[in-house]
Amino acid sequence: TLSKTKKKGRDHKESIVSAIREAAESYSSAYVFTFENMRNLKFKEFRDQLKTTS
């Protein structure tokens, strides 16, 4: 069976866009990643490292 999830809606998208705009004003550079397996151990380690430095 398919899991039932609630839609996040327009307000959620607007809050994400707002957070990105604020970050763009605060930081001099941005990095965009595409990754096939977000639950990969190496990727988790990388995210944890970014959390401590940003």
PDB file of N, CA and C in Angstrom:
ATOM      1  N   THR A   1       0.835  -1.191   0.000  1.00  0.00           N
ATOM      2  CA  THR A   1       0.000   0.000   0.000  1.00  0.00           C
ATOM      3  C   THR A   1       0.876   1.250   0.000  1.00  0.00           C
ATOM      4  N   LEU A   2       0.312   2.302  -0.480  1.00  0.00           N
ATOM      5  CA  LEU A   2       1.020   3.577  -0.483  1.00  0.00           C
ATOM      6  C   LEU A   2       0.836   4.266   0.861  1.00  0.00           C
ATOM      7  N   SER A   3       1.860   4.893   1.331  1.00  0.00           N
ATOM      8  CA  SER A   3       1.736   5.622   2.591  1.00  0.00           C
ATOM      9  C   SER A   3       0.990   6.923   2.335  1.00  0.00           C
ATOM     10  N   LYS A   4       0.228   7.331   3.319  1.00  0.00           N
ATOM     11  CA  LYS A   4      -0.537   8.564   3.181  1.00  0.00           C
ATOM     12  C   LYS A   4       0.233   9.691   3.850  1.00  0.00           C
ATOM     13  N   THR A   5       0.522  10.708   3.082  1.00  0.00           N
ATOM     14  CA  THR A   5       1.224  11.870   3.619  1.00  0.00           C
ATOM     15  C   THR A   5       0.405  13.112   3.333  1.00  0.00           C
ATOM     16  N   LYS A   6       0.531  14.072   4.212  1.00  0.00           N
ATOM     17  CA  LYS A   6      -0.183  15.330   4.020  1.00  0.00           C
ATOM     18  C   LYS A   6       0.641  16.239   3.123  1.00  0.00           C
ATOM     19  N   LYS A   7      -0.031  16.986   2.271  1.00  0.00           N
ATOM     20  CA  LYS A   7       0.658  17.952   1.427  1.00  0.00           C
ATOM     21  C   LYS A   7       1.139  19.106   2.290  1.00  0.00           C
ATOM     22  N   LYS A   8       2.300  19.612   1.954  1.00  0.00           N
ATOM     23  CA  LYS A   8       2.882  20.686   2.746  1.00  0.00           C
ATOM     24  C   LYS A   8       2.340  22.047   2.336  1.00  0.00           C
ATOM     25  N   GLY A   9       1.907  22.175   1.112  1.00  0.00           N
ATOM     26  CA  GLY A   9       1.233  23.382   0.681  1.00  0.00           C
ATOM     27  C   GLY A   9       2.137  24.543   0.328  1.00  0.00           C
ATOM     28  N   ARG A  10       1.476  25.599  -0.086  1.00  0.00           N
ATOM     29  CA  ARG A  10       2.171  26.793  -0.566  1.00  0.00           C
ATOM     30  C   ARG A  10       2.932  27.501   0.553  1.00  0.00           C
ATOM     31  N   ASP A  11       2.371  27.529   1.755  1.00  0.00           N
ATOM     32  CA  ASP A  11       3.043  28.203   2.867  1.00  0.00           C
ATOM     33  C   ASP A  11       4.410  27.586   3.142  1.00  0.00           C
ATOM     34  N   HIS A  12       4.488  26.284   3.055  1.00  0.00           N
ATOM     35  CA  HIS A  12       5.761  25.591   3.281  1.00  0.00           C
ATOM     36  C   HIS A  12       6.780  25.990   2.218  1.00  0.00           C
ATOM     37  N   LYS A  13       6.349  26.019   0.964  1.00  0.00           N
ATOM     38  CA  LYS A  13       7.254  26.405  -0.119  1.00  0.00           C
ATOM     39  C   LYS A  13       7.720  27.848   0.044  1.00  0.00           C
ATOM     40  N   GLU A  14       6.803  28.724   0.441  1.00  0.00           N
ATOM     41  CA  GLU A  14       7.165  30.127   0.625  1.00  0.00           C
ATOM     42  C   GLU A  14       8.169  30.296   1.758  1.00  0.00           C
ATOM     43  N   SER A  15       8.045  29.501   2.815  1.00  0.00           N
ATOM     44  CA  SER A  15       9.003  29.605   3.921  1.00  0.00           C
ATOM     45  C   SER A  15      10.386  29.117   3.491  1.00  0.00           C
ATOM     46  N   ILE A  16      10.437  28.094   2.633  1.00  0.00           N
ATOM     47  CA  ILE A  16      11.719  27.607   2.119  1.00  0.00           C
ATOM     48  C   ILE A  16      12.371  28.670   1.241  1.00  0.00           C
ATOM     49  N   VAL A  17      11.595  29.270   0.358  1.00  0.00           N
ATOM     50  CA  VAL A  17      12.124  30.319  -0.523  1.00  0.00           C
ATOM     51  C   VAL A  17      12.618  31.497   0.305  1.00  0.00           C
ATOM     52  N   SER A  18      11.884  31.856   1.338  1.00  0.00           N
ATOM     53  CA  SER A  18      12.291  32.955   2.204  1.00  0.00           C
ATOM     54  C   SER A  18      13.608  32.641   2.916  1.00  0.00           C
ATOM     55  N   ALA A  19      13.746  31.421   3.400  1.00  0.00           N
ATOM     56  CA  ALA A  19      14.991  31.022   4.076  1.00  0.00           C
ATOM     57  C   ALA A  19      16.173  31.049   3.115  1.00  0.00           C
ATOM     58  N   ILE A  20      15.949  30.633   1.880  1.00  0.00           N
ATOM     59  CA  ILE A  20      17.020  30.655   0.877  1.00  0.00           C
ATOM     60  C   ILE A  20      17.422  32.087   0.563  1.00  0.00           C
ATOM     61  N   ARG A  21      16.451  32.968   0.435  1.00  0.00           N
ATOM     62  CA  ARG A  21      16.758  34.376   0.144  1.00  0.00           C
ATOM     63  C   ARG A  21      17.550  35.017   1.282  1.00  0.00           C
ATOM     64  N   GLU A  22      17.160  34.726   2.518  1.00  0.00           N
ATOM     65  CA  GLU A  22      17.891  35.264   3.665  1.00  0.00           C
ATOM     66  C   GLU A  22      19.323  34.740   3.695  1.00  0.00           C
ATOM     67  N   ALA A  23      19.487  33.458   3.412  1.00  0.00           N
ATOM     68  CA  ALA A  23      20.828  32.870   3.403  1.00  0.00           C
ATOM     69  C   ALA A  23      21.674  33.466   2.285  1.00  0.00           C
ATOM     70  N   ALA A  24      21.057  33.734   1.139  1.00  0.00           N
ATOM     71  CA  ALA A  24      21.789  34.311   0.008  1.00  0.00           C
ATOM     72  C   ALA A  24      22.312  35.702   0.352  1.00  0.00           C
ATOM     73  N   GLU A  25      21.569  36.429   1.167  1.00  0.00           N
ATOM     74  CA  GLU A  25      22.023  37.753   1.585  1.00  0.00           C
ATOM     75  C   GLU A  25      23.124  37.662   2.644  1.00  0.00           C
ATOM     76  N   SER A  26      23.119  36.591   3.423  1.00  0.00           N
ATOM     77  CA  SER A  26      24.061  36.453   4.535  1.00  0.00           C
ATOM     78  C   SER A  26      25.402  35.857   4.136  1.00  0.00           C
ATOM     79  N   TYR A  27      25.409  35.006   3.120  1.00  0.00           N
ATOM     80  CA  TYR A  27      26.620  34.281   2.748  1.00  0.00           C
ATOM     81  C   TYR A  27      27.114  34.720   1.377  1.00  0.00           C
ATOM     82  N   SER A  28      28.432  34.652   1.186  1.00  0.00           N
ATOM     83  CA  SER A  28      29.020  35.095  -0.078  1.00  0.00           C
ATOM     84  C   SER A  28      28.991  34.013  -1.156  1.00  0.00           C
ATOM     85  N   SER A  29      28.782  32.754  -0.779  1.00  0.00           N
ATOM     86  CA  SER A  29      28.755  31.677  -1.773  1.00  0.00           C
ATOM     87  C   SER A  29      27.718  30.632  -1.381  1.00  0.00           C
ATOM     88  N   ALA A  30      27.306  29.859  -2.378  1.00  0.00           N
ATOM     89  CA  ALA A  30      26.328  28.787  -2.149  1.00  0.00           C
ATOM     90  C   ALA A  30      26.742  27.573  -2.959  1.00  0.00           C
ATOM     91  N   TYR A  31      26.451  26.408  -2.445  1.00  0.00           N
ATOM     92  CA  TYR A  31      26.762  25.152  -3.124  1.00  0.00           C
ATOM     93  C   TYR A  31      25.477  24.366  -3.310  1.00  0.00           C
ATOM     94  N   VAL A  32      25.306  23.816  -4.497  1.00  0.00           N
ATOM     95  CA  VAL A  32      24.119  23.017  -4.797  1.00  0.00           C
ATOM     96  C   VAL A  32      24.580  21.611  -5.134  1.00  0.00           C
ATOM     97  N   PHE A  33      23.993  20.631  -4.466  1.00  0.00           N
ATOM     98  CA  PHE A  33      24.362  19.238  -4.675  1.00  0.00           C
ATOM     99  C   PHE A  33      23.163  18.451  -5.170  1.00  0.00           C
ATOM    100  N   THR A  34      23.423  17.508  -6.037  1.00  0.00           N
ATOM    101  CA  THR A  34      22.418  16.503  -6.361  1.00  0.00           C
ATOM    102  C   THR A  34      23.010  15.167  -5.960  1.00  0.00           C
ATOM    103  N   PHE A  35      22.189  14.342  -5.357  1.00  0.00           N
ATOM    104  CA  PHE A  35      22.693  13.105  -4.803  1.00  0.00           C
ATOM    105  C   PHE A  35      21.624  12.040  -4.941  1.00  0.00           C
ATOM    106  N   GLU A  36      22.002  10.856  -5.355  1.00  0.00           N
ATOM    107  CA  GLU A  36      21.024   9.793  -5.591  1.00  0.00           C
ATOM    108  C   GLU A  36      20.516   9.161  -4.303  1.00  0.00           C
ATOM    109  N   ASN A  37      21.380   8.981  -3.323  1.00  0.00           N
ATOM    110  CA  ASN A  37      20.985   8.302  -2.098  1.00  0.00           C
ATOM    111  C   ASN A  37      21.264   9.220  -0.917  1.00  0.00           C
ATOM    112  N   MET A  38      20.267   9.983  -0.500  1.00  0.00           N
ATOM    113  CA  MET A  38      20.450  10.962   0.562  1.00  0.00           C
ATOM    114  C   MET A  38      20.731  10.317   1.915  1.00  0.00           C
ATOM    115  N   ARG A  39      20.455   9.037   2.070  1.00  0.00           N
ATOM    116  CA  ARG A  39      20.653   8.362   3.348  1.00  0.00           C
ATOM    117  C   ARG A  39      22.006   7.662   3.434  1.00  0.00           C
ATOM    118  N   ASN A  40      22.846   7.915   2.496  1.00  0.00           N
ATOM    119  CA  ASN A  40      24.181   7.348   2.472  1.00  0.00           C
ATOM    120  C   ASN A  40      24.977   7.844   3.686  1.00  0.00           C
ATOM    121  N   LEU A  41      25.777   6.975   4.294  1.00  0.00           N
ATOM    122  CA  LEU A  41      26.543   7.331   5.489  1.00  0.00           C
ATOM    123  C   LEU A  41      27.496   8.490   5.225  1.00  0.00           C
ATOM    124  N   LYS A  42      28.176   8.478   4.104  1.00  0.00           N
ATOM    125  CA  LYS A  42      29.115   9.560   3.790  1.00  0.00           C
ATOM    126  C   LYS A  42      28.389  10.894   3.649  1.00  0.00           C
ATOM    127  N   PHE A  43      27.210  10.863   3.053  1.00  0.00           N
ATOM    128  CA  PHE A  43      26.450  12.099   2.898  1.00  0.00           C
ATOM    129  C   PHE A  43      25.979  12.608   4.263  1.00  0.00           C
ATOM    130  N   LYS A  44      25.580  11.706   5.157  1.00  0.00           N
ATOM    131  CA  LYS A  44      25.182  12.113   6.504  1.00  0.00           C
ATOM    132  C   LYS A  44      26.347  12.764   7.238  1.00  0.00           C
ATOM    133  N   GLU A  45      27.530  12.192   7.107  1.00  0.00           N
ATOM    134  CA  GLU A  45      28.715  12.774   7.736  1.00  0.00           C
ATOM    135  C   GLU A  45      28.984  14.169   7.176  1.00  0.00           C
ATOM    136  N   PHE A  46      28.819  14.323   5.877  1.00  0.00           N
ATOM    137  CA  PHE A  46      29.031  15.619   5.227  1.00  0.00           C
ATOM    138  C   PHE A  46      28.029  16.652   5.746  1.00  0.00           C
ATOM    139  N   ARG A  47      26.762  16.273   5.864  1.00  0.00           N
ATOM    140  CA  ARG A  47      25.747  17.196   6.377  1.00  0.00           C
ATOM    141  C   ARG A  47      26.051  17.607   7.812  1.00  0.00           C
ATOM    142  N   ASP A  48      26.480  16.647   8.636  1.00  0.00           N
ATOM    143  CA  ASP A  48      26.834  16.969  10.017  1.00  0.00           C
ATOM    144  C   ASP A  48      28.001  17.945  10.070  1.00  0.00           C
ATOM    145  N   GLN A  49      28.960  17.755   9.187  1.00  0.00           N
ATOM    146  CA  GLN A  49      30.112  18.653   9.132  1.00  0.00           C
ATOM    147  C   GLN A  49      29.668  20.063   8.727  1.00  0.00           C
ATOM    148  N   LEU A  50      28.747  20.159   7.777  1.00  0.00           N
ATOM    149  CA  LEU A  50      28.259  21.475   7.363  1.00  0.00           C
ATOM    150  C   LEU A  50      27.488  22.159   8.482  1.00  0.00           C
ATOM    151  N   LYS A  51      26.742  21.391   9.266  1.00  0.00           N
ATOM    152  CA  LYS A  51      25.972  21.977  10.362  1.00  0.00           C
ATOM    153  C   LYS A  51      26.879  22.659  11.373  1.00  0.00           C
ATOM    154  N   THR A  52      28.024  22.066  11.626  1.00  0.00           N
ATOM    155  CA  THR A  52      28.920  22.633  12.637  1.00  0.00           C
ATOM    156  C   THR A  52      29.689  23.842  12.128  1.00  0.00           C
ATOM    157  N   THR A  53      29.811  23.993  10.811  1.00  0.00           N
ATOM    158  CA  THR A  53      30.602  25.099  10.271  1.00  0.00           C
ATOM    159  C   THR A  53      29.767  26.231   9.700  1.00  0.00           C
ATOM    160  N   SER A  54      28.457  26.073   9.637  1.00  0.00           N
ATOM    161  CA  SER A  54      27.646  27.156   9.060  1.00  0.00           C
ATOM    162  C   SER A  54      26.591  27.639  10.018  1.00  0.00           C
TER     163      SER A  54
END
